[in-house]
Each structure stands twice: as C-alpha cells, then as structure tokens.
Amino acid sequence: METAKDVMTREVVTIRPDEPIRAMIERIRETSYSGLPVVDAQGRAVGLVSQNDVLRAITFVQGAGQLLETFQVGKRQAAVALLEAVREKRQAIAVHDFLERPVREIMSAHLVGCAPDTPLTEVCHAMVEGHVHRVVVLEDGKVIGLVSATDLVRELGALLAG
C-alpha cells in the first residue's frame, strides 16, 4: 500500500512566522508552490500559509470589510482591489504596509499533518475532511515532506497508465 512518504515532495520550502508576507509571496513565485508550511526556529510546524490567505487578506485590506469565505469570490475581489490600488496612492500604501506584516497574521494555525507511513487513502480522506490542498508530513513535529493534491493526481495518473 502506498504511503505519504512514497509520493511526498521531500524538498519542502518553509517560512518562519516572523518573516514578512512579501517574503512568502517571493517564495511562492520562485517555487510555483501555492502554500508553505510555517515553522518555528526549531523547525517545528506551527501552521500553513497559502496564496489564498494572501488574496483574502488583501481583499480585507482593500476595504471589503471582512475576509471572504469562498476563494473564487475573494480572488475576483482581490484582483479588482489590486487594480484599484494602482489608481489610488492611499490604497497602494495600505497594500505596501500589508506586505511588510508578519506571516503569522495571515497563516492558519490549523495544520493538517500526517506521519510518513500514513496510507494514501488516509491522506486523501484528511484532505477532503479538512478541505485542504496539502498535508504536511511530520516526524517529531518537524516538516519532512508535503503531499499536495497535485502529488496525488500525479500518482493516480501513473496508476491509471498502468
């Protein structure tokens, strides 16, 4: 039976909770990952932050009044808000200030994790139940891998190809 360690991405890019949101965005841009585990100084997982968190928070900063529950609505409103920020210097300053805030302010402290030997069926179940796109693989509280929805689709494709 396939396990998390069989399909996980081993070279995980992480971020510390005190780093600025700007650094998180740069790492996402450089790696093409959509989310990063947040780790403390000892390398222990303390949360997760994703591009969705950034977009929701920018929507809030731009005056939507509250963080939106659904990403698609938030994504559209955030895009419009960013375009408007270019037109209004005051809003552009707000976005600039937001990007300097620490990651801990937008990260989710709820982390869906598993052990390296967790069967993939359990990893899939955790993703569905937790409404998440990635499960952090942990050993002694430290991040050793990440199983993303993309990893699972790749594995499914290989199985179907036979």
Protein backbone atom coordinates (compact mmCIF):
# COMPACT_ATOMS: atom_id res chain seq x y z
CA MET A 1 0.00 0.00 0.00
CA GLU A 2 1.32 3.43 -0.98
CA THR A 3 2.10 5.83 1.85
CA ALA A 4 2.71 9.55 2.23
CA LYS A 5 6.49 9.09 2.00
CA ASP A 6 6.08 7.36 -1.39
CA VAL A 7 4.56 10.42 -3.09
CA MET A 8 5.54 13.39 -0.91
CA THR A 9 7.64 16.28 -2.08
CA ARG A 10 10.80 15.97 0.00
CA GLU A 11 12.38 19.35 -0.62
CA VAL A 12 9.84 21.48 1.23
CA VAL A 13 10.14 25.24 1.15
CA THR A 14 9.10 26.71 4.51
CA ILE A 15 8.75 30.13 6.09
CA ARG A 16 9.03 31.45 9.63
CA PRO A 17 6.06 33.18 11.29
CA ASP A 18 8.00 36.43 11.81
CA GLU A 19 9.02 36.80 8.15
CA PRO A 20 7.12 39.41 6.11
CA ILE A 21 4.27 38.41 3.83
CA ARG A 22 6.36 39.85 0.98
CA ALA A 23 8.96 37.07 1.55
CA MET A 24 6.24 34.42 1.44
CA ILE A 25 4.96 35.78 -1.87
CA GLU A 26 8.51 35.75 -3.29
CA ARG A 27 8.99 32.10 -2.28
CA ILE A 28 5.69 31.14 -3.87
CA ARG A 29 6.66 32.97 -7.05
CA GLU A 30 10.11 31.32 -7.14
CA THR A 31 8.86 27.80 -6.48
CA SER A 32 5.38 27.78 -8.06
CA TYR A 33 4.01 26.27 -4.83
CA SER A 34 0.68 27.64 -3.70
CA GLY A 35 1.31 27.28 0.02
CA LEU A 36 4.10 26.90 2.54
CA PRO A 37 4.38 25.28 5.95
CA VAL A 38 5.22 27.78 8.68
CA VAL A 39 7.96 26.59 11.05
CA ASP A 40 9.42 27.96 14.27
CA ALA A 41 13.14 28.47 14.98
CA GLN A 42 13.50 24.77 15.87
CA GLY A 43 11.92 23.69 12.56
CA ARG A 44 8.66 22.56 14.15
CA ALA A 45 5.50 23.09 12.11
CA VAL A 46 3.28 25.81 13.60
CA GLY A 47 0.93 26.48 10.69
CA LEU A 48 0.39 26.82 6.99
CA VAL A 49 0.09 29.86 4.75
CA SER A 50 -1.18 29.87 1.17
CA GLN A 51 -1.72 32.26 -1.70
CA ASN A 52 -5.42 32.07 -0.85
CA ASP A 53 -4.66 33.52 2.59
CA VAL A 54 -2.82 36.41 0.94
CA LEU A 55 -5.64 37.12 -1.51
CA ARG A 56 -8.28 37.05 1.22
CA ALA A 57 -6.22 39.35 3.43
CA ILE A 58 -5.57 41.80 0.57
CA THR A 59 -9.30 41.90 -0.07
CA PHE A 60 -9.76 42.85 3.57
CA VAL A 61 -7.01 45.49 3.41
CA GLN A 62 -8.60 46.96 0.31
CA GLY A 63 -11.83 47.60 2.17
CA ALA A 64 -14.06 44.58 1.60
CA GLY A 65 -14.74 44.75 5.34
CA GLN A 66 -14.34 41.07 6.09
CA LEU A 67 -12.35 38.11 4.87
CA LEU A 68 -14.38 36.19 2.36
CA GLU A 69 -15.37 32.56 2.87
CA THR A 70 -15.06 31.40 -0.71
CA PHE A 71 -11.81 31.74 -2.60
CA GLN A 72 -13.33 32.42 -6.01
CA VAL A 73 -15.25 35.45 -4.76
CA GLY A 74 -12.17 36.57 -2.83
CA LYS A 75 -9.91 36.03 -5.80
CA ARG A 76 -12.01 38.22 -8.08
CA GLN A 77 -12.43 40.97 -5.50
CA ALA A 78 -8.73 40.89 -4.60
CA ALA A 79 -7.76 41.28 -8.26
CA VAL A 80 -10.10 44.25 -8.66
CA ALA A 81 -8.82 45.75 -5.40
CA LEU A 82 -5.21 45.47 -6.53
CA LEU A 83 -6.02 47.22 -9.81
CA GLU A 84 -7.73 50.00 -7.88
CA ALA A 85 -4.69 50.26 -5.58
CA VAL A 86 -2.61 51.31 -8.57
CA ARG A 87 -5.01 54.21 -9.13
CA GLU A 88 -5.18 55.37 -5.51
CA LYS A 89 -1.93 56.12 -3.77
CA ARG A 90 -3.52 55.75 -0.32
CA GLN A 91 -4.61 52.20 -1.08
CA ALA A 92 -1.22 51.38 -2.58
CA ILE A 93 0.38 52.42 0.71
CA ALA A 94 -2.02 50.15 2.58
CA VAL A 95 -1.01 47.21 0.38
CA HIS A 96 2.69 48.04 0.83
CA ASP A 97 2.25 48.12 4.61
CA PHE A 98 0.33 44.84 4.49
CA LEU A 99 3.18 43.12 2.64
CA GLU A 100 5.56 44.03 5.48
CA ARG A 101 3.31 42.44 8.14
CA PRO A 102 4.47 39.09 9.58
CA VAL A 103 3.21 35.83 8.08
CA ARG A 104 1.76 34.83 11.48
CA GLU A 105 -1.03 37.37 10.95
CA ILE A 106 -2.50 35.54 7.96
CA MET A 107 -1.34 31.94 8.42
CA SER A 108 -3.65 29.18 9.51
CA ALA A 109 -2.52 27.69 12.80
CA HIS A 110 -4.62 24.65 11.92
CA LEU A 111 -2.29 22.28 10.16
CA VAL A 112 -3.38 19.01 8.59
CA GLY A 113 -0.45 16.68 9.02
CA CYS A 114 0.41 13.02 8.86
CA ALA A 115 3.26 10.61 9.53
CA PRO A 116 5.46 9.35 6.68
CA ASP A 117 3.89 5.87 6.87
CA THR A 118 0.30 7.12 6.65
CA PRO A 119 -1.55 5.26 3.87
CA LEU A 120 -2.52 7.45 0.91
CA THR A 121 -6.18 6.62 1.45
CA GLU A 122 -5.93 8.32 4.85
CA VAL A 123 -4.08 11.29 3.34
CA CYS A 124 -6.88 11.69 0.77
CA HIS A 125 -9.50 11.43 3.48
CA ALA A 126 -7.69 14.09 5.55
CA MET A 127 -7.65 16.45 2.55
CA VAL A 128 -11.35 16.01 1.88
CA GLU A 129 -12.39 16.23 5.54
CA GLY A 130 -10.10 19.20 6.20
CA HIS A 131 -10.94 20.99 2.94
CA VAL A 132 -7.21 21.41 2.25
CA HIS A 133 -4.98 21.00 -0.79
CA ARG A 134 -1.90 19.85 1.04
CA VAL A 135 -0.99 17.64 4.00
CA VAL A 136 2.29 18.26 5.79
CA VAL A 137 4.32 15.13 6.50
CA LEU A 138 5.77 15.37 10.01
CA GLU A 139 8.34 13.48 12.01
CA ASP A 140 8.80 14.55 15.63
CA GLY A 141 6.85 17.71 14.80
CA LYS A 142 9.28 18.69 12.04
CA VAL A 143 8.39 19.03 8.37
CA ILE A 144 9.99 16.28 6.28
CA GLY A 145 7.66 16.40 3.29
CA LEU A 146 4.45 17.65 1.79
CA VAL A 147 1.71 15.77 -0.04
CA SER A 148 -0.26 18.07 -2.31
CA ALA A 149 -3.34 17.43 -4.39
CA THR A 150 -1.01 17.63 -7.39
CA ASP A 151 1.14 14.81 -5.97
CA LEU A 152 -1.95 12.64 -5.56
CA VAL A 153 -3.22 13.36 -9.08
CA ARG A 154 0.24 12.51 -10.46
CA GLU A 155 0.18 9.20 -8.56
CA LEU A 156 -3.35 8.44 -9.75
CA GLY A 157 -2.30 9.16 -13.33
CA ALA A 158 0.62 6.73 -13.01
CA LEU A 159 -1.70 4.05 -11.62
CA LEU A 160 -4.21 4.54 -14.43
CA ALA A 161 -1.46 4.43 -17.05
CA GLY A 162 -0.60 1.03 -15.61
